[in-house]
Amino acid sequence: MKKVFLMRTILFGSLLVLALPFGAHASSITFGSSSTGITFFGDGAGSVSVSTLGLSGNAFFDSDALGTYALGATSFTAGPQSAGIFPADANLESFTFTGGDGDSLTGIINWSFIQDNTPQPKFFGVLTIGTVSGDAAFTSNFSGSLANIDFITNPLSSGGTLDGLAATTMSATATVSAGEVNPVNPVPEPGKLALFGSGLLGLGGLIRRKLLQV
């Protein structure tokens, strides 16, 4: 009976340790309004061409000092739209973040789609991280190879929506309003790693005591 109880205790303890939450709280790079804009051209058949010579403005990481961001030139077609979503054709765009405290991140964006359920289109993409440097908080936050990136534009100069523009052969422009970069696989929080280690040590002590009693 003691051996059965011991095995049940070990199993229950193991499940408790493995059930500990290990999701890390990731911090984002937040960027603001751009000084230059994006140009959209409708094709009259539900798609738009998207182009920019580059976008830049202020940005910051967590509570660090204000820095800057820059997106490079790009041009691609998005659409045809379905339920307010414009799938993006093949595209690449550079991204650079320079923090006010010296943090730095560079990478290449692949835009996945543009969402257009308001007069302010929203871009969604994946950033393949190239280089990361800075303090430990920043580099550990972006220790993976990928990050999600998105931004919302200011209202289109046409005063309408991208859906409406895509049904015409007219053009419209918009600047970035705000966006963010979020790491895909943040590292576990040190506190939770310590809790995991404590759980393992406690389970080991329990097993030793029970073995001595058997």
N, C-alpha and C. Protein backbone atom coordinates (compact mmCIF):
# COMPACT_ATOMS: atom_id res chain seq x y z
N MET A 1 0.82 -1.20 0.00
CA MET A 1 0.00 0.00 0.00
C MET A 1 0.86 1.26 0.00
N LYS A 2 1.98 1.20 0.78
CA LYS A 2 2.85 2.37 0.83
C LYS A 2 3.44 2.67 -0.53
N LYS A 3 3.78 1.60 -1.27
CA LYS A 3 4.37 1.81 -2.60
C LYS A 3 3.34 2.41 -3.55
N VAL A 4 2.09 1.97 -3.44
CA VAL A 4 1.03 2.53 -4.29
C VAL A 4 0.84 4.00 -3.98
N PHE A 5 0.81 4.32 -2.66
CA PHE A 5 0.66 5.72 -2.24
C PHE A 5 1.83 6.56 -2.75
N LEU A 6 3.04 6.00 -2.67
CA LEU A 6 4.23 6.71 -3.12
C LEU A 6 4.14 7.02 -4.61
N MET A 7 3.74 6.05 -5.40
CA MET A 7 3.64 6.25 -6.84
C MET A 7 2.59 7.30 -7.17
N ARG A 8 1.47 7.28 -6.46
CA ARG A 8 0.42 8.28 -6.68
C ARG A 8 0.91 9.68 -6.31
N THR A 9 1.67 9.76 -5.22
CA THR A 9 2.20 11.05 -4.77
C THR A 9 3.17 11.62 -5.79
N ILE A 10 4.06 10.75 -6.31
CA ILE A 10 5.03 11.19 -7.31
C ILE A 10 4.31 11.67 -8.57
N LEU A 11 3.30 10.90 -9.01
CA LEU A 11 2.57 11.26 -10.22
C LEU A 11 1.85 12.59 -10.04
N PHE A 12 1.18 12.76 -8.89
CA PHE A 12 0.44 14.00 -8.64
C PHE A 12 1.39 15.20 -8.58
N GLY A 13 2.51 15.01 -7.90
CA GLY A 13 3.48 16.10 -7.79
C GLY A 13 4.07 16.48 -9.12
N SER A 14 4.33 15.48 -9.95
CA SER A 14 4.88 15.75 -11.28
C SER A 14 3.91 16.54 -12.13
N LEU A 15 2.64 16.18 -12.04
CA LEU A 15 1.62 16.90 -12.81
C LEU A 15 1.51 18.35 -12.35
N LEU A 16 1.61 18.58 -11.04
CA LEU A 16 1.55 19.95 -10.53
C LEU A 16 2.71 20.78 -11.05
N VAL A 17 3.90 20.23 -11.06
CA VAL A 17 5.08 20.96 -11.53
C VAL A 17 4.96 21.27 -13.02
N LEU A 18 4.53 20.27 -13.80
CA LEU A 18 4.42 20.45 -15.24
C LEU A 18 3.30 21.42 -15.61
N ALA A 19 2.33 21.59 -14.70
CA ALA A 19 1.20 22.47 -14.99
C ALA A 19 1.50 23.94 -14.71
N LEU A 20 2.68 24.23 -14.16
CA LEU A 20 3.02 25.62 -13.88
C LEU A 20 3.03 26.43 -15.18
N PRO A 21 2.46 27.66 -15.17
CA PRO A 21 2.42 28.49 -16.39
C PRO A 21 3.79 29.04 -16.71
N PHE A 22 4.22 28.92 -17.97
CA PHE A 22 5.54 29.40 -18.37
C PHE A 22 5.48 30.47 -19.44
N GLY A 23 4.29 31.00 -19.75
CA GLY A 23 4.21 32.07 -20.73
C GLY A 23 4.88 33.33 -20.21
N ALA A 24 5.73 33.93 -20.99
CA ALA A 24 6.43 35.13 -20.56
C ALA A 24 5.64 36.36 -20.95
N HIS A 25 5.81 37.39 -20.17
CA HIS A 25 5.22 38.67 -20.52
C HIS A 25 6.19 39.38 -21.46
N ALA A 26 5.78 39.51 -22.72
CA ALA A 26 6.66 40.13 -23.72
C ALA A 26 6.35 41.60 -23.85
N SER A 27 7.38 42.39 -24.04
CA SER A 27 7.23 43.81 -24.28
C SER A 27 7.31 44.10 -25.76
N SER A 28 6.69 45.19 -26.18
CA SER A 28 6.61 45.52 -27.60
C SER A 28 7.44 46.75 -27.94
N ILE A 29 7.82 46.84 -29.21
CA ILE A 29 8.28 48.09 -29.78
C ILE A 29 7.03 48.80 -30.29
N THR A 30 6.80 49.99 -29.83
CA THR A 30 5.63 50.77 -30.25
C THR A 30 6.10 51.93 -31.09
N PHE A 31 5.48 52.11 -32.27
CA PHE A 31 5.89 53.23 -33.11
C PHE A 31 4.69 54.08 -33.49
N GLY A 32 4.97 55.34 -33.80
CA GLY A 32 3.91 56.31 -34.01
C GLY A 32 3.82 56.82 -35.44
N SER A 33 3.22 57.99 -35.57
CA SER A 33 2.91 58.58 -36.87
C SER A 33 4.16 58.75 -37.73
N SER A 34 3.98 58.48 -39.03
CA SER A 34 5.10 58.62 -39.96
C SER A 34 5.09 59.99 -40.61
N SER A 35 6.26 60.45 -41.01
CA SER A 35 6.37 61.76 -41.66
C SER A 35 6.05 61.67 -43.15
N THR A 36 6.09 60.47 -43.71
CA THR A 36 5.75 60.25 -45.12
C THR A 36 4.62 59.23 -45.20
N GLY A 37 4.08 59.03 -46.39
CA GLY A 37 2.89 58.20 -46.49
C GLY A 37 2.97 57.02 -47.43
N ILE A 38 1.83 56.33 -47.54
CA ILE A 38 1.64 55.17 -48.41
C ILE A 38 0.65 55.58 -49.49
N THR A 39 0.89 55.15 -50.71
CA THR A 39 -0.03 55.43 -51.81
C THR A 39 -0.76 54.16 -52.23
N PHE A 40 -2.07 54.26 -52.37
CA PHE A 40 -2.91 53.13 -52.79
C PHE A 40 -3.56 53.48 -54.13
N PHE A 41 -3.51 52.54 -55.07
CA PHE A 41 -4.18 52.70 -56.37
C PHE A 41 -5.18 51.56 -56.55
N GLY A 42 -6.45 51.89 -56.79
CA GLY A 42 -7.44 50.87 -57.06
C GLY A 42 -7.32 50.37 -58.49
N ASP A 43 -7.68 49.09 -58.71
CA ASP A 43 -7.62 48.55 -60.07
C ASP A 43 -9.01 48.38 -60.68
N GLY A 44 -10.04 48.79 -59.93
CA GLY A 44 -11.40 48.68 -60.42
C GLY A 44 -11.98 47.28 -60.33
N ALA A 45 -11.21 46.34 -59.79
CA ALA A 45 -11.67 44.95 -59.73
C ALA A 45 -11.47 44.33 -58.34
N GLY A 46 -11.38 45.17 -57.32
CA GLY A 46 -11.30 44.66 -55.95
C GLY A 46 -9.91 44.56 -55.36
N SER A 47 -8.88 44.99 -56.11
CA SER A 47 -7.51 44.96 -55.59
C SER A 47 -6.92 46.37 -55.57
N VAL A 48 -5.83 46.53 -54.84
CA VAL A 48 -5.12 47.80 -54.80
C VAL A 48 -3.63 47.55 -54.93
N SER A 49 -2.92 48.50 -55.53
CA SER A 49 -1.46 48.47 -55.48
C SER A 49 -1.05 49.37 -54.33
N VAL A 50 -0.02 48.93 -53.62
CA VAL A 50 0.46 49.62 -52.42
C VAL A 50 1.92 49.99 -52.63
N SER A 51 2.27 51.24 -52.38
CA SER A 51 3.68 51.63 -52.56
C SER A 51 4.05 52.72 -51.57
N THR A 52 5.32 52.72 -51.20
CA THR A 52 5.87 53.77 -50.35
C THR A 52 7.37 53.88 -50.62
N LEU A 53 7.87 55.08 -50.50
CA LEU A 53 9.31 55.30 -50.64
C LEU A 53 10.03 55.15 -49.30
N GLY A 54 9.25 54.89 -48.25
CA GLY A 54 9.81 54.73 -46.92
C GLY A 54 8.95 55.43 -45.89
N LEU A 55 8.96 54.91 -44.68
CA LEU A 55 8.17 55.45 -43.58
C LEU A 55 9.06 55.58 -42.35
N SER A 56 8.93 56.65 -41.61
CA SER A 56 9.77 56.82 -40.42
C SER A 56 9.07 57.71 -39.40
N GLY A 57 9.51 57.58 -38.16
CA GLY A 57 8.93 58.38 -37.09
C GLY A 57 9.53 57.98 -35.76
N ASN A 58 8.83 58.34 -34.68
CA ASN A 58 9.30 58.03 -33.33
C ASN A 58 8.83 56.65 -32.88
N ALA A 59 9.62 56.02 -32.02
CA ALA A 59 9.29 54.70 -31.50
C ALA A 59 9.95 54.51 -30.15
N PHE A 60 9.44 53.56 -29.38
CA PHE A 60 10.06 53.24 -28.09
C PHE A 60 9.81 51.80 -27.73
N PHE A 61 10.65 51.27 -26.85
CA PHE A 61 10.50 49.91 -26.34
C PHE A 61 10.20 49.97 -24.86
N ASP A 62 9.10 49.33 -24.44
CA ASP A 62 8.73 49.28 -23.03
C ASP A 62 8.67 50.70 -22.46
N SER A 63 9.42 50.97 -21.41
CA SER A 63 9.42 52.32 -20.83
C SER A 63 10.74 53.06 -21.09
N ASP A 64 11.49 52.59 -22.09
CA ASP A 64 12.78 53.20 -22.41
C ASP A 64 12.59 54.57 -23.06
N ALA A 65 13.71 55.27 -23.22
CA ALA A 65 13.70 56.60 -23.83
C ALA A 65 13.24 56.51 -25.29
N LEU A 66 12.67 57.61 -25.77
CA LEU A 66 12.13 57.66 -27.13
C LEU A 66 13.23 57.47 -28.16
N GLY A 67 12.93 56.65 -29.17
CA GLY A 67 13.86 56.41 -30.26
C GLY A 67 13.18 56.62 -31.60
N THR A 68 13.64 55.93 -32.61
CA THR A 68 13.08 56.10 -33.96
C THR A 68 12.88 54.75 -34.64
N TYR A 69 12.05 54.76 -35.68
CA TYR A 69 11.88 53.59 -36.54
C TYR A 69 11.92 54.03 -37.99
N ALA A 70 12.21 53.07 -38.86
CA ALA A 70 12.21 53.34 -40.30
C ALA A 70 11.83 52.08 -41.05
N LEU A 71 10.87 52.21 -41.96
CA LEU A 71 10.50 51.15 -42.88
C LEU A 71 10.98 51.56 -44.26
N GLY A 72 11.52 50.62 -45.01
CA GLY A 72 12.09 50.94 -46.31
C GLY A 72 11.05 51.04 -47.41
N ALA A 73 11.51 51.24 -48.62
CA ALA A 73 10.63 51.33 -49.78
C ALA A 73 10.07 49.95 -50.12
N THR A 74 8.83 49.92 -50.57
CA THR A 74 8.23 48.68 -51.02
C THR A 74 7.08 48.97 -51.97
N SER A 75 6.70 47.96 -52.75
CA SER A 75 5.58 48.07 -53.67
C SER A 75 5.01 46.68 -53.91
N PHE A 76 3.71 46.52 -53.74
CA PHE A 76 3.08 45.21 -53.96
C PHE A 76 1.58 45.40 -54.20
N THR A 77 0.95 44.34 -54.64
CA THR A 77 -0.50 44.34 -54.88
C THR A 77 -1.18 43.57 -53.76
N ALA A 78 -2.34 44.07 -53.32
CA ALA A 78 -3.13 43.40 -52.29
C ALA A 78 -4.55 43.22 -52.80
N GLY A 79 -5.08 42.00 -52.64
CA GLY A 79 -6.43 41.72 -53.09
C GLY A 79 -6.45 40.52 -54.02
N PRO A 80 -7.64 40.25 -54.61
CA PRO A 80 -8.89 40.95 -54.38
C PRO A 80 -9.38 40.78 -52.95
N GLN A 81 -10.07 41.80 -52.47
CA GLN A 81 -10.53 41.78 -51.08
C GLN A 81 -11.72 40.84 -50.91
N SER A 82 -11.78 40.23 -49.72
CA SER A 82 -12.89 39.37 -49.35
C SER A 82 -13.19 39.60 -47.88
N ALA A 83 -14.41 40.00 -47.58
CA ALA A 83 -14.83 40.29 -46.20
C ALA A 83 -13.90 41.30 -45.53
N GLY A 84 -13.48 42.29 -46.30
CA GLY A 84 -12.64 43.34 -45.74
C GLY A 84 -11.18 43.00 -45.60
N ILE A 85 -10.74 41.86 -46.13
CA ILE A 85 -9.35 41.44 -46.05
C ILE A 85 -8.72 41.46 -47.45
N PHE A 86 -7.58 42.13 -47.57
CA PHE A 86 -6.82 42.16 -48.82
C PHE A 86 -5.57 41.31 -48.65
N PRO A 87 -5.53 40.07 -49.16
CA PRO A 87 -4.30 39.27 -49.08
C PRO A 87 -3.18 39.96 -49.86
N ALA A 88 -1.99 39.97 -49.30
CA ALA A 88 -0.87 40.65 -49.96
C ALA A 88 -0.09 39.70 -50.85
N ASP A 89 0.25 40.17 -52.05
CA ASP A 89 1.14 39.42 -52.93
C ASP A 89 2.55 39.45 -52.36
N ALA A 90 3.47 38.76 -53.03
CA ALA A 90 4.85 38.70 -52.57
C ALA A 90 5.42 40.10 -52.34
N ASN A 91 6.07 40.29 -51.20
CA ASN A 91 6.61 41.59 -50.87
C ASN A 91 7.68 41.46 -49.80
N LEU A 92 8.56 42.44 -49.73
CA LEU A 92 9.58 42.54 -48.69
C LEU A 92 9.78 44.02 -48.36
N GLU A 93 10.03 44.31 -47.09
CA GLU A 93 10.28 45.68 -46.66
C GLU A 93 11.20 45.67 -45.46
N SER A 94 12.21 46.51 -45.46
CA SER A 94 13.16 46.56 -44.35
C SER A 94 12.55 47.29 -43.16
N PHE A 95 13.03 46.94 -41.97
CA PHE A 95 12.58 47.60 -40.73
C PHE A 95 13.79 47.84 -39.84
N THR A 96 13.88 49.03 -39.28
CA THR A 96 14.96 49.37 -38.35
C THR A 96 14.39 50.11 -37.15
N PHE A 97 14.78 49.68 -35.96
CA PHE A 97 14.43 50.38 -34.73
C PHE A 97 15.70 50.77 -34.01
N THR A 98 15.78 52.03 -33.60
CA THR A 98 16.90 52.52 -32.80
C THR A 98 16.34 53.16 -31.54
N GLY A 99 16.58 52.53 -30.39
CA GLY A 99 16.05 53.05 -29.14
C GLY A 99 16.83 54.23 -28.60
N GLY A 100 16.15 55.00 -27.77
CA GLY A 100 16.80 56.16 -27.17
C GLY A 100 17.91 55.81 -26.21
N ASP A 101 17.94 54.55 -25.74
CA ASP A 101 19.00 54.11 -24.81
C ASP A 101 20.06 53.26 -25.51
N GLY A 102 19.98 53.18 -26.85
CA GLY A 102 21.00 52.44 -27.59
C GLY A 102 20.56 51.07 -28.09
N ASP A 103 19.35 50.62 -27.71
CA ASP A 103 18.86 49.35 -28.25
C ASP A 103 18.69 49.46 -29.76
N SER A 104 18.86 48.33 -30.44
CA SER A 104 18.75 48.35 -31.90
C SER A 104 18.23 47.02 -32.42
N LEU A 105 17.36 47.09 -33.43
CA LEU A 105 16.83 45.89 -34.07
C LEU A 105 16.63 46.16 -35.55
N THR A 106 17.04 45.22 -36.38
CA THR A 106 16.79 45.32 -37.82
C THR A 106 16.17 44.02 -38.31
N GLY A 107 15.47 44.08 -39.42
CA GLY A 107 14.88 42.89 -39.98
C GLY A 107 14.17 43.16 -41.29
N ILE A 108 13.54 42.11 -41.82
CA ILE A 108 12.81 42.20 -43.08
C ILE A 108 11.36 41.79 -42.84
N ILE A 109 10.44 42.64 -43.29
CA ILE A 109 9.01 42.39 -43.13
C ILE A 109 8.44 41.72 -44.37
N ASN A 110 7.55 40.77 -44.14
CA ASN A 110 6.70 40.23 -45.19
C ASN A 110 5.26 40.53 -44.78
N TRP A 111 4.61 41.45 -45.49
CA TRP A 111 3.23 41.79 -45.16
C TRP A 111 2.29 40.68 -45.61
N SER A 112 1.41 40.24 -44.70
CA SER A 112 0.51 39.12 -44.97
C SER A 112 -0.82 39.58 -45.57
N PHE A 113 -1.42 40.60 -44.96
CA PHE A 113 -2.68 41.11 -45.46
C PHE A 113 -2.96 42.50 -44.91
N ILE A 114 -3.92 43.17 -45.54
CA ILE A 114 -4.40 44.47 -45.07
C ILE A 114 -5.86 44.31 -44.70
N GLN A 115 -6.20 44.73 -43.50
CA GLN A 115 -7.59 44.67 -43.03
C GLN A 115 -8.24 46.03 -43.25
N ASP A 116 -9.45 46.02 -43.78
CA ASP A 116 -10.09 47.29 -44.10
C ASP A 116 -11.56 47.28 -43.72
N ASN A 117 -11.84 47.30 -42.42
CA ASN A 117 -13.23 47.41 -41.99
C ASN A 117 -13.55 48.80 -41.45
N THR A 118 -12.60 49.73 -41.61
CA THR A 118 -12.80 51.13 -41.23
C THR A 118 -12.09 51.99 -42.27
N PRO A 119 -12.26 53.31 -42.20
CA PRO A 119 -11.51 54.19 -43.12
C PRO A 119 -10.00 54.22 -42.84
N GLN A 120 -9.56 53.46 -41.84
CA GLN A 120 -8.13 53.40 -41.50
C GLN A 120 -7.61 51.98 -41.68
N PRO A 121 -7.08 51.63 -42.85
CA PRO A 121 -6.58 50.27 -43.10
C PRO A 121 -5.52 49.87 -42.08
N LYS A 122 -5.48 48.56 -41.79
CA LYS A 122 -4.50 48.03 -40.85
C LYS A 122 -3.67 46.95 -41.52
N PHE A 123 -2.34 47.08 -41.43
CA PHE A 123 -1.39 46.15 -42.04
C PHE A 123 -0.96 45.10 -41.00
N PHE A 124 -0.88 43.84 -41.44
CA PHE A 124 -0.40 42.76 -40.59
C PHE A 124 0.70 42.00 -41.32
N GLY A 125 1.81 41.74 -40.63
CA GLY A 125 2.91 41.03 -41.26
C GLY A 125 3.80 40.31 -40.27
N VAL A 126 4.83 39.66 -40.80
CA VAL A 126 5.82 38.94 -39.98
C VAL A 126 7.19 39.55 -40.24
N LEU A 127 7.89 39.85 -39.18
CA LEU A 127 9.23 40.42 -39.25
C LEU A 127 10.26 39.33 -38.99
N THR A 128 11.11 39.07 -39.96
CA THR A 128 12.24 38.16 -39.76
C THR A 128 13.39 38.99 -39.21
N ILE A 129 13.77 38.70 -37.96
CA ILE A 129 14.76 39.53 -37.27
C ILE A 129 16.16 39.24 -37.81
N GLY A 130 16.88 40.31 -38.12
CA GLY A 130 18.24 40.18 -38.63
C GLY A 130 19.27 40.36 -37.54
N THR A 131 19.30 41.54 -36.93
CA THR A 131 20.25 41.83 -35.86
C THR A 131 19.53 42.45 -34.66
N VAL A 132 20.03 42.13 -33.48
CA VAL A 132 19.49 42.70 -32.23
C VAL A 132 20.66 43.04 -31.33
N SER A 133 20.64 44.23 -30.75
CA SER A 133 21.68 44.61 -29.79
C SER A 133 21.08 45.57 -28.76
N GLY A 134 21.72 45.64 -27.61
CA GLY A 134 21.23 46.52 -26.56
C GLY A 134 21.34 45.87 -25.20
N ASP A 135 20.52 46.34 -24.25
CA ASP A 135 20.59 45.79 -22.90
C ASP A 135 19.92 44.42 -22.84
N ALA A 136 20.08 43.75 -21.69
CA ALA A 136 19.60 42.38 -21.55
C ALA A 136 18.10 42.27 -21.71
N ALA A 137 17.35 43.24 -21.20
CA ALA A 137 15.89 43.19 -21.30
C ALA A 137 15.45 43.21 -22.76
N PHE A 138 16.11 44.01 -23.57
CA PHE A 138 15.73 44.14 -24.97
C PHE A 138 16.15 42.90 -25.77
N THR A 139 17.39 42.47 -25.62
CA THR A 139 17.89 41.36 -26.42
C THR A 139 17.19 40.04 -26.05
N SER A 140 16.86 39.84 -24.77
CA SER A 140 16.15 38.61 -24.38
C SER A 140 14.71 38.64 -24.88
N ASN A 141 14.13 39.82 -24.94
CA ASN A 141 12.75 39.97 -25.43
C ASN A 141 12.65 39.58 -26.91
N PHE A 142 13.70 39.91 -27.67
CA PHE A 142 13.72 39.61 -29.10
C PHE A 142 14.79 38.57 -29.41
N SER A 143 14.84 37.51 -28.59
CA SER A 143 15.85 36.47 -28.77
C SER A 143 15.49 35.49 -29.87
N GLY A 144 14.21 35.47 -30.29
CA GLY A 144 13.78 34.58 -31.35
C GLY A 144 14.10 35.14 -32.72
N SER A 145 13.72 34.42 -33.75
CA SER A 145 14.02 34.84 -35.12
C SER A 145 12.86 35.58 -35.78
N LEU A 146 11.68 35.55 -35.15
CA LEU A 146 10.50 36.17 -35.76
C LEU A 146 9.77 37.08 -34.79
N ALA A 147 9.05 38.04 -35.35
CA ALA A 147 8.17 38.90 -34.57
C ALA A 147 6.96 39.26 -35.42
N ASN A 148 5.85 39.51 -34.77
CA ASN A 148 4.67 40.00 -35.47
C ASN A 148 4.71 41.51 -35.52
N ILE A 149 4.34 42.09 -36.65
CA ILE A 149 4.31 43.53 -36.79
C ILE A 149 2.98 43.96 -37.40
N ASP A 150 2.42 45.03 -36.90
CA ASP A 150 1.19 45.56 -37.48
C ASP A 150 1.14 47.07 -37.25
N PHE A 151 0.41 47.74 -38.11
CA PHE A 151 0.16 49.17 -37.88
C PHE A 151 -1.15 49.57 -38.53
N ILE A 152 -1.74 50.64 -38.00
CA ILE A 152 -2.95 51.21 -38.54
C ILE A 152 -2.61 52.56 -39.15
N THR A 153 -3.24 52.87 -40.27
CA THR A 153 -2.96 54.15 -40.91
C THR A 153 -3.91 55.23 -40.39
N ASN A 154 -3.58 56.46 -40.69
CA ASN A 154 -4.52 57.55 -40.50
C ASN A 154 -5.58 57.44 -41.61
N PRO A 155 -6.69 58.16 -41.51
CA PRO A 155 -7.73 58.06 -42.54
C PRO A 155 -7.20 58.32 -43.95
N LEU A 156 -7.72 57.57 -44.91
CA LEU A 156 -7.33 57.75 -46.31
C LEU A 156 -7.67 59.16 -46.79
N SER A 157 -6.83 59.68 -47.66
CA SER A 157 -7.05 61.03 -48.19
C SER A 157 -8.34 61.12 -49.01
N SER A 158 -8.82 59.97 -49.50
CA SER A 158 -10.05 59.93 -50.30
C SER A 158 -11.30 60.10 -49.43
N GLY A 159 -11.12 59.90 -48.12
CA GLY A 159 -12.25 60.01 -47.21
C GLY A 159 -13.09 58.76 -47.13
N GLY A 160 -12.77 57.73 -47.92
CA GLY A 160 -13.53 56.49 -47.91
C GLY A 160 -12.73 55.34 -47.36
N THR A 161 -13.09 54.15 -47.78
CA THR A 161 -12.40 52.93 -47.35
C THR A 161 -11.59 52.35 -48.49
N LEU A 162 -10.70 51.42 -48.15
CA LEU A 162 -9.89 50.74 -49.17
C LEU A 162 -10.79 49.88 -50.07
N ASP A 163 -11.84 49.31 -49.49
CA ASP A 163 -12.79 48.53 -50.28
C ASP A 163 -13.38 49.38 -51.40
N GLY A 164 -13.82 50.59 -51.02
CA GLY A 164 -14.40 51.49 -52.01
C GLY A 164 -13.39 51.91 -53.06
N LEU A 165 -12.15 52.16 -52.63
CA LEU A 165 -11.11 52.57 -53.56
C LEU A 165 -10.79 51.46 -54.56
N ALA A 166 -10.80 50.21 -54.08
CA ALA A 166 -10.47 49.06 -54.93
C ALA A 166 -11.48 48.86 -56.06
N ALA A 167 -12.68 49.41 -55.88
CA ALA A 167 -13.71 49.29 -56.91
C ALA A 167 -13.56 50.37 -57.99
N THR A 168 -12.58 51.25 -57.81
CA THR A 168 -12.34 52.34 -58.77
C THR A 168 -10.90 52.24 -59.29
N THR A 169 -10.54 53.19 -60.14
CA THR A 169 -9.15 53.29 -60.59
C THR A 169 -8.53 54.58 -60.05
N MET A 170 -9.06 55.02 -58.92
CA MET A 170 -8.56 56.23 -58.28
C MET A 170 -7.42 55.89 -57.30
N SER A 171 -6.81 56.92 -56.73
CA SER A 171 -5.72 56.73 -55.77
C SER A 171 -6.03 57.46 -54.46
N ALA A 172 -5.34 57.07 -53.42
CA ALA A 172 -5.45 57.72 -52.12
C ALA A 172 -4.15 57.51 -51.37
N THR A 173 -3.90 58.36 -50.40
CA THR A 173 -2.69 58.24 -49.58
C THR A 173 -3.05 58.23 -48.10
N ALA A 174 -2.13 57.73 -47.29
CA ALA A 174 -2.32 57.71 -45.84
C ALA A 174 -0.97 57.56 -45.17
N THR A 175 -0.83 58.16 -44.01
CA THR A 175 0.38 58.00 -43.21
C THR A 175 0.12 56.98 -42.11
N VAL A 176 1.18 56.49 -41.51
CA VAL A 176 1.04 55.58 -40.37
C VAL A 176 0.49 56.36 -39.18
N SER A 177 -0.45 55.75 -38.46
CA SER A 177 -0.95 56.34 -37.22
C SER A 177 -0.20 55.76 -36.02
N ALA A 178 -0.20 54.44 -35.91
CA ALA A 178 0.50 53.77 -34.80
C ALA A 178 0.66 52.30 -35.11
N GLY A 179 1.68 51.68 -34.53
CA GLY A 179 1.91 50.26 -34.75
C GLY A 179 2.76 49.65 -33.66
N GLU A 180 3.01 48.36 -33.76
CA GLU A 180 3.82 47.68 -32.76
C GLU A 180 4.49 46.44 -33.34
N VAL A 181 5.57 46.05 -32.68
CA VAL A 181 6.32 44.83 -33.02
C VAL A 181 6.34 43.95 -31.78
N ASN A 182 5.83 42.73 -31.90
CA ASN A 182 5.75 41.81 -30.77
C ASN A 182 6.52 40.53 -31.06
N PRO A 183 7.40 40.10 -30.15
CA PRO A 183 8.15 38.85 -30.38
C PRO A 183 7.22 37.66 -30.43
N VAL A 184 7.53 36.69 -31.29
CA VAL A 184 6.69 35.50 -31.43
C VAL A 184 6.94 34.51 -30.30
N ASN A 185 8.21 34.29 -29.93
CA ASN A 185 8.55 33.32 -28.89
C ASN A 185 9.39 33.98 -27.80
N PRO A 186 8.75 34.75 -26.88
CA PRO A 186 9.52 35.36 -25.80
C PRO A 186 10.08 34.32 -24.85
N VAL A 187 11.20 34.63 -24.20
CA VAL A 187 11.82 33.70 -23.27
C VAL A 187 11.01 33.63 -21.98
N PRO A 188 11.06 32.51 -21.24
CA PRO A 188 10.33 32.41 -19.98
C PRO A 188 10.81 33.44 -18.97
N GLU A 189 9.89 33.90 -18.11
CA GLU A 189 10.26 34.86 -17.08
C GLU A 189 11.15 34.19 -16.04
N PRO A 190 12.19 34.88 -15.54
CA PRO A 190 13.09 34.29 -14.53
C PRO A 190 12.34 33.82 -13.30
N GLY A 191 11.32 34.54 -12.86
CA GLY A 191 10.56 34.16 -11.67
C GLY A 191 9.87 32.82 -11.83
N LYS A 192 9.36 32.57 -13.05
CA LYS A 192 8.67 31.31 -13.28
C LYS A 192 9.65 30.17 -13.42
N LEU A 193 10.84 30.45 -13.95
CA LEU A 193 11.87 29.41 -13.98
C LEU A 193 12.28 29.03 -12.57
N ALA A 194 12.40 30.03 -11.69
CA ALA A 194 12.77 29.76 -10.30
C ALA A 194 11.69 28.94 -9.61
N LEU A 195 10.42 29.26 -9.88
CA LEU A 195 9.32 28.51 -9.30
C LEU A 195 9.34 27.06 -9.77
N PHE A 196 9.65 26.86 -11.04
CA PHE A 196 9.75 25.51 -11.60
C PHE A 196 10.85 24.72 -10.89
N GLY A 197 12.01 25.38 -10.69
CA GLY A 197 13.12 24.72 -10.01
C GLY A 197 12.77 24.37 -8.57
N SER A 198 12.08 25.28 -7.87
CA SER A 198 11.67 25.02 -6.49
C SER A 198 10.72 23.83 -6.43
N GLY A 199 9.82 23.75 -7.41
CA GLY A 199 8.89 22.63 -7.45
C GLY A 199 9.60 21.31 -7.63
N LEU A 200 10.60 21.29 -8.49
CA LEU A 200 11.37 20.06 -8.70
C LEU A 200 12.12 19.65 -7.44
N LEU A 201 12.73 20.63 -6.74
CA LEU A 201 13.47 20.33 -5.51
C LEU A 201 12.54 19.79 -4.43
N GLY A 202 11.37 20.41 -4.31
CA GLY A 202 10.41 19.96 -3.32
C GLY A 202 9.92 18.56 -3.60
N LEU A 203 9.67 18.26 -4.86
CA LEU A 203 9.23 16.92 -5.25
C LEU A 203 10.32 15.89 -4.97
N GLY A 204 11.58 16.28 -5.23
CA GLY A 204 12.69 15.36 -4.96
C GLY A 204 12.81 15.03 -3.48
N GLY A 205 12.63 16.05 -2.61
CA GLY A 205 12.70 15.83 -1.17
C GLY A 205 11.59 14.90 -0.69
N LEU A 206 10.40 15.10 -1.23
CA LEU A 206 9.26 14.25 -0.86
C LEU A 206 9.52 12.80 -1.25
N ILE A 207 10.04 12.59 -2.43
CA ILE A 207 10.32 11.23 -2.89
C ILE A 207 11.35 10.55 -1.98
N ARG A 208 12.41 11.30 -1.61
CA ARG A 208 13.45 10.71 -0.75
C ARG A 208 12.87 10.30 0.60
N ARG A 209 12.02 11.15 1.20
CA ARG A 209 11.43 10.82 2.51
C ARG A 209 10.54 9.60 2.41
N LYS A 210 9.78 9.53 1.35
CA LYS A 210 8.88 8.38 1.21
C LYS A 210 9.65 7.08 0.98
N LEU A 211 10.76 7.17 0.25
CA LEU A 211 11.56 5.98 0.00
C LEU A 211 12.15 5.45 1.31
N LEU A 212 12.56 6.34 2.21
CA LEU A 212 13.13 5.93 3.48
C LEU A 212 12.09 5.27 4.37
N GLN A 213 10.83 5.64 4.17
CA GLN A 213 9.76 5.09 5.01
C GLN A 213 9.26 3.74 4.50
N VAL A 214 9.53 3.43 3.22
CA VAL A 214 9.03 2.18 2.63
C VAL A 214 9.80 0.97 3.19
